[in-house]
N, C-alpha and C. Protein backbone atom coordinates (compact mmCIF):
# COMPACT_ATOMS: atom_id res chain seq x y z
N MET A 1 104.90 50.53 98.82
CA MET A 1 104.28 51.83 98.86
C MET A 1 102.79 51.67 99.14
N THR A 2 102.23 52.48 100.02
CA THR A 2 100.83 52.36 100.40
C THR A 2 99.98 53.40 99.66
N ASP A 3 98.67 53.16 99.70
CA ASP A 3 97.73 54.08 99.08
C ASP A 3 97.02 54.94 100.11
N ILE A 4 97.66 55.18 101.25
CA ILE A 4 97.06 56.00 102.28
C ILE A 4 97.25 57.46 101.89
N PRO A 5 96.15 58.24 101.80
CA PRO A 5 96.26 59.63 101.35
C PRO A 5 96.83 60.55 102.42
N ALA A 6 97.33 61.69 101.97
CA ALA A 6 97.79 62.73 102.89
C ALA A 6 96.59 63.35 103.59
N CYS A 7 96.82 63.97 104.71
CA CYS A 7 95.74 64.62 105.48
C CYS A 7 95.14 65.77 104.68
N PRO A 8 93.82 65.83 104.53
CA PRO A 8 93.20 66.94 103.79
C PRO A 8 93.23 68.26 104.56
N LEU A 9 93.48 68.21 105.85
CA LEU A 9 93.49 69.43 106.66
C LEU A 9 94.86 70.10 106.67
N CYS A 10 95.93 69.32 106.96
CA CYS A 10 97.26 69.91 107.07
C CYS A 10 98.20 69.49 105.93
N ALA A 11 97.76 68.55 105.08
CA ALA A 11 98.51 68.06 103.92
C ALA A 11 99.76 67.26 104.28
N MET A 12 99.91 66.88 105.53
CA MET A 12 101.04 66.04 105.92
C MET A 12 100.75 64.59 105.55
N GLU A 13 101.79 63.81 105.31
CA GLU A 13 101.61 62.43 104.85
C GLU A 13 101.76 61.40 105.97
N ASN A 14 101.84 61.83 107.21
CA ASN A 14 101.98 60.93 108.34
C ASN A 14 100.58 60.48 108.80
N THR A 15 99.89 59.69 107.97
CA THR A 15 98.53 59.25 108.25
C THR A 15 98.49 57.72 108.34
N TYR A 16 97.45 57.21 109.01
CA TYR A 16 97.31 55.77 109.16
C TYR A 16 95.82 55.41 109.22
N PRO A 17 95.47 54.17 108.82
CA PRO A 17 94.08 53.74 108.90
C PRO A 17 93.72 53.35 110.33
N ASP A 18 92.47 53.62 110.72
CA ASP A 18 91.97 53.25 112.04
C ASP A 18 90.50 52.86 111.87
N GLY A 19 90.24 51.59 111.71
CA GLY A 19 88.87 51.13 111.46
C GLY A 19 88.38 51.62 110.11
N GLU A 20 87.31 52.40 110.11
CA GLU A 20 86.73 52.94 108.88
C GLU A 20 87.23 54.35 108.57
N ASN A 21 88.21 54.84 109.33
CA ASN A 21 88.71 56.20 109.16
C ASN A 21 90.21 56.21 108.91
N TYR A 22 90.69 57.32 108.36
CA TYR A 22 92.10 57.64 108.33
C TYR A 22 92.35 58.67 109.43
N VAL A 23 93.53 58.62 110.04
CA VAL A 23 93.88 59.55 111.11
C VAL A 23 95.23 60.18 110.77
N CYS A 24 95.35 61.49 110.98
CA CYS A 24 96.61 62.20 110.79
C CYS A 24 97.34 62.25 112.13
N ALA A 25 98.53 61.72 112.17
CA ALA A 25 99.31 61.72 113.41
C ALA A 25 99.85 63.11 113.75
N ASP A 26 99.91 64.01 112.76
CA ASP A 26 100.46 65.35 113.00
C ASP A 26 99.44 66.30 113.61
N CYS A 27 98.23 66.35 113.04
CA CYS A 27 97.23 67.31 113.52
C CYS A 27 96.05 66.65 114.22
N GLY A 28 95.94 65.30 114.15
CA GLY A 28 94.86 64.60 114.84
C GLY A 28 93.56 64.55 114.06
N HIS A 29 93.53 65.07 112.86
CA HIS A 29 92.31 65.08 112.05
C HIS A 29 91.94 63.66 111.64
N GLU A 30 90.63 63.34 111.71
CA GLU A 30 90.13 62.05 111.26
C GLU A 30 89.13 62.27 110.14
N TRP A 31 89.17 61.41 109.11
CA TRP A 31 88.20 61.49 108.02
C TRP A 31 87.89 60.09 107.53
N SER A 32 86.73 59.95 106.92
CA SER A 32 86.25 58.65 106.47
C SER A 32 87.06 58.14 105.29
N MET A 33 87.32 56.84 105.28
CA MET A 33 88.00 56.23 104.15
C MET A 33 87.17 56.35 102.88
N HIS A 34 85.85 56.33 103.04
CA HIS A 34 84.95 56.42 101.89
C HIS A 34 84.98 57.80 101.27
N ALA A 35 85.15 58.83 102.08
CA ALA A 35 85.24 60.20 101.56
C ALA A 35 86.55 60.39 100.81
N ALA A 36 87.60 59.71 101.23
CA ALA A 36 88.90 59.86 100.60
C ALA A 36 89.02 59.04 99.32
N ALA A 37 88.09 58.13 99.08
CA ALA A 37 88.18 57.25 97.92
C ALA A 37 87.78 57.91 96.62
N GLY A 38 87.07 59.03 96.69
CA GLY A 38 86.59 59.70 95.48
C GLY A 38 87.73 60.34 94.71
N PRO A 39 87.52 60.60 93.41
CA PRO A 39 88.57 61.22 92.61
C PRO A 39 88.82 62.65 93.05
N THR A 40 90.07 63.05 92.98
CA THR A 40 90.42 64.41 93.34
C THR A 40 91.00 65.11 92.14
N GLU A 41 90.69 66.37 92.01
CA GLU A 41 91.24 67.16 90.92
C GLU A 41 92.19 68.18 91.50
N PRO A 42 93.20 68.61 90.76
CA PRO A 42 94.16 69.57 91.28
C PRO A 42 93.46 70.85 91.73
N GLY A 43 93.85 71.36 92.89
CA GLY A 43 93.27 72.60 93.40
C GLY A 43 91.93 72.41 94.08
N ALA A 44 91.44 71.17 94.23
CA ALA A 44 90.13 70.93 94.81
C ALA A 44 90.17 70.95 96.33
N THR A 45 91.34 70.83 96.94
CA THR A 45 91.41 70.83 98.39
C THR A 45 91.29 72.24 98.93
N THR A 46 90.70 72.34 100.10
CA THR A 46 90.55 73.62 100.76
C THR A 46 91.75 73.84 101.67
N VAL A 47 92.40 74.96 101.53
CA VAL A 47 93.54 75.30 102.38
C VAL A 47 92.99 76.00 103.62
N ARG A 48 93.37 75.51 104.79
CA ARG A 48 92.87 76.07 106.05
C ARG A 48 94.04 76.56 106.91
N ASP A 49 93.78 77.61 107.69
CA ASP A 49 94.81 78.15 108.56
C ASP A 49 94.90 77.33 109.85
N ALA A 50 95.67 77.79 110.80
CA ALA A 50 95.89 77.07 112.05
C ALA A 50 94.62 76.90 112.86
N ASN A 51 93.65 77.78 112.68
CA ASN A 51 92.38 77.70 113.40
C ASN A 51 91.31 76.96 112.63
N GLY A 52 91.61 76.49 111.42
CA GLY A 52 90.63 75.77 110.62
C GLY A 52 89.80 76.66 109.70
N THR A 53 90.11 77.94 109.64
CA THR A 53 89.41 78.86 108.76
C THR A 53 89.92 78.70 107.34
N ALA A 54 89.00 78.62 106.38
CA ALA A 54 89.39 78.46 104.98
C ALA A 54 90.09 79.72 104.48
N LEU A 55 91.17 79.52 103.73
CA LEU A 55 91.92 80.63 103.14
C LEU A 55 91.62 80.69 101.65
N SER A 56 91.71 81.88 101.09
CA SER A 56 91.54 82.05 99.64
C SER A 56 92.53 83.11 99.16
N ASP A 57 92.71 83.17 97.84
CA ASP A 57 93.61 84.16 97.27
C ASP A 57 93.19 85.57 97.68
N GLY A 58 94.18 86.40 98.04
CA GLY A 58 93.91 87.79 98.40
C GLY A 58 93.68 88.02 99.88
N ASP A 59 93.60 86.97 100.69
CA ASP A 59 93.41 87.13 102.13
C ASP A 59 94.66 87.71 102.78
N SER A 60 94.48 88.22 103.99
CA SER A 60 95.60 88.68 104.81
C SER A 60 95.78 87.68 105.95
N VAL A 61 97.03 87.38 106.28
CA VAL A 61 97.33 86.42 107.33
C VAL A 61 98.41 86.96 108.26
N VAL A 62 98.51 86.34 109.44
CA VAL A 62 99.52 86.69 110.44
C VAL A 62 100.24 85.41 110.83
N LEU A 63 101.55 85.46 111.00
CA LEU A 63 102.32 84.31 111.46
C LEU A 63 102.01 84.04 112.93
N ILE A 64 101.83 82.78 113.29
CA ILE A 64 101.52 82.45 114.69
C ILE A 64 102.74 81.97 115.47
N LYS A 65 103.89 81.84 114.79
CA LYS A 65 105.14 81.49 115.48
C LYS A 65 106.31 81.99 114.65
N ASP A 66 107.47 82.12 115.30
CA ASP A 66 108.68 82.51 114.58
C ASP A 66 109.08 81.39 113.62
N LEU A 67 109.46 81.76 112.40
CA LEU A 67 109.90 80.78 111.41
C LEU A 67 111.27 81.17 110.89
N LYS A 68 112.18 80.20 110.85
CA LYS A 68 113.51 80.45 110.30
C LYS A 68 113.45 80.27 108.79
N ALA A 69 114.00 81.23 108.07
CA ALA A 69 114.03 81.17 106.61
C ALA A 69 115.46 80.89 106.17
N LYS A 70 115.59 80.45 104.93
CA LYS A 70 116.94 80.22 104.39
C LYS A 70 117.69 81.55 104.37
N GLY A 71 118.98 81.48 104.55
CA GLY A 71 119.79 82.68 104.57
C GLY A 71 119.98 83.25 105.95
N GLY A 72 119.46 82.57 106.98
CA GLY A 72 119.68 83.01 108.34
C GLY A 72 118.67 84.02 108.88
N SER A 73 117.72 84.46 108.06
CA SER A 73 116.74 85.41 108.55
C SER A 73 115.62 84.68 109.29
N THR A 74 114.90 85.42 110.11
CA THR A 74 113.79 84.86 110.88
C THR A 74 112.54 85.70 110.64
N LEU A 75 111.44 85.02 110.33
CA LEU A 75 110.14 85.69 110.23
C LEU A 75 109.52 85.66 111.61
N LYS A 76 109.24 86.82 112.17
CA LYS A 76 108.78 86.92 113.55
C LYS A 76 107.28 86.67 113.67
N MET A 77 106.89 86.09 114.80
CA MET A 77 105.49 85.88 115.12
C MET A 77 104.78 87.23 115.10
N GLY A 78 103.58 87.26 114.53
CA GLY A 78 102.80 88.49 114.45
C GLY A 78 103.03 89.27 113.17
N THR A 79 103.96 88.83 112.32
CA THR A 79 104.20 89.50 111.04
C THR A 79 103.00 89.29 110.14
N LYS A 80 102.50 90.39 109.55
CA LYS A 80 101.31 90.31 108.70
C LYS A 80 101.71 90.25 107.24
N ALA A 81 101.01 89.42 106.48
CA ALA A 81 101.20 89.32 105.03
C ALA A 81 99.86 89.56 104.36
N LYS A 82 99.82 90.46 103.39
CA LYS A 82 98.59 90.78 102.67
C LYS A 82 98.61 90.13 101.30
N ASN A 83 97.43 89.96 100.75
CA ASN A 83 97.26 89.45 99.38
C ASN A 83 98.01 88.15 99.14
N ILE A 84 97.70 87.13 99.94
CA ILE A 84 98.34 85.84 99.77
C ILE A 84 97.87 85.18 98.47
N ARG A 85 98.63 84.20 98.04
CA ARG A 85 98.25 83.43 96.85
C ARG A 85 98.39 81.95 97.21
N LEU A 86 97.36 81.16 96.93
CA LEU A 86 97.39 79.73 97.21
C LEU A 86 98.00 79.00 96.03
N VAL A 87 98.90 78.07 96.33
CA VAL A 87 99.58 77.30 95.30
C VAL A 87 99.52 75.82 95.66
N ASP A 88 99.73 74.95 94.69
CA ASP A 88 99.78 73.51 94.94
C ASP A 88 101.14 73.15 95.49
N GLY A 89 101.17 72.12 96.32
CA GLY A 89 102.44 71.65 96.86
C GLY A 89 102.41 71.53 98.36
N ASP A 90 103.54 71.18 98.93
CA ASP A 90 103.67 70.98 100.36
C ASP A 90 103.51 72.30 101.12
N HIS A 91 104.09 73.36 100.60
CA HIS A 91 103.94 74.70 101.18
C HIS A 91 102.92 75.43 100.32
N GLU A 92 101.69 75.51 100.80
CA GLU A 92 100.58 75.91 99.94
C GLU A 92 100.24 77.40 99.91
N VAL A 93 100.96 78.23 100.65
CA VAL A 93 100.66 79.66 100.67
C VAL A 93 101.89 80.45 100.21
N ASP A 94 101.71 81.27 99.20
CA ASP A 94 102.76 82.13 98.67
C ASP A 94 102.51 83.54 99.19
N VAL A 95 103.47 84.10 99.92
CA VAL A 95 103.32 85.44 100.51
C VAL A 95 104.54 86.28 100.19
N LYS A 96 104.36 87.59 100.29
CA LYS A 96 105.49 88.52 100.21
C LYS A 96 105.53 89.29 101.52
N ILE A 97 106.71 89.21 102.16
CA ILE A 97 106.92 89.94 103.41
C ILE A 97 108.15 90.81 103.20
N ASP A 98 108.01 92.11 103.35
CA ASP A 98 109.08 93.08 103.13
C ASP A 98 109.70 92.93 101.73
N GLY A 99 108.85 92.63 100.74
CA GLY A 99 109.29 92.54 99.36
C GLY A 99 109.96 91.23 98.98
N ILE A 100 110.04 90.29 99.91
CA ILE A 100 110.66 88.99 99.64
C ILE A 100 109.58 87.92 99.63
N GLY A 101 109.57 87.08 98.61
CA GLY A 101 108.57 86.03 98.49
C GLY A 101 108.93 84.81 99.32
N TYR A 102 107.94 84.24 99.99
CA TYR A 102 108.11 83.03 100.79
C TYR A 102 106.98 82.07 100.48
N LEU A 103 107.26 80.77 100.53
CA LEU A 103 106.25 79.73 100.47
C LEU A 103 106.12 79.18 101.88
N LEU A 104 104.91 79.26 102.45
CA LEU A 104 104.69 78.85 103.84
C LEU A 104 103.61 77.80 103.93
N LYS A 105 103.64 77.03 104.99
CA LYS A 105 102.57 76.08 105.29
C LYS A 105 101.47 76.84 106.02
N SER A 106 100.24 76.50 105.70
CA SER A 106 99.11 77.21 106.28
C SER A 106 98.95 76.95 107.77
N CYS A 107 99.54 75.89 108.30
CA CYS A 107 99.41 75.59 109.72
C CYS A 107 100.16 76.60 110.60
N TYR A 108 100.98 77.46 110.01
CA TYR A 108 101.69 78.50 110.75
C TYR A 108 101.08 79.88 110.55
N LEU A 109 99.88 79.92 109.94
CA LEU A 109 99.25 81.20 109.63
C LEU A 109 97.87 81.29 110.26
N LYS A 110 97.44 82.52 110.52
CA LYS A 110 96.09 82.78 111.01
C LYS A 110 95.49 83.89 110.15
N LYS A 111 94.28 83.65 109.65
CA LYS A 111 93.61 84.63 108.80
C LYS A 111 93.20 85.84 109.62
N THR A 112 93.39 87.04 109.04
CA THR A 112 92.99 88.27 109.71
C THR A 112 91.96 88.99 108.85
N ALA A 113 91.33 89.96 109.43
CA ALA A 113 90.29 90.71 108.72
C ALA A 113 90.87 91.75 107.79
């Protein structure tokens, strides 16, 4: 087992060392090994949308692609979700769409005004 951290931008674990940096193979983000060496506390990471805009509790977001949900339903691109809640874990955004709760990855969302 390696001590290579997950990507701080997209939270995926497909990362590798490259010289003095870590690189995420999924989103292409690079960050310094020295910045990743510091202690982290739960909830200290910033959740960012597909455009890199920081998200916070209560924001409104729009889906940027169709997503298949369990049960055979599909969340359509352009669907808006209001009053999101950020949670810890692989799927870091908790939303309610048409009264049904979903946990989504922030890389499929875009912050709206």
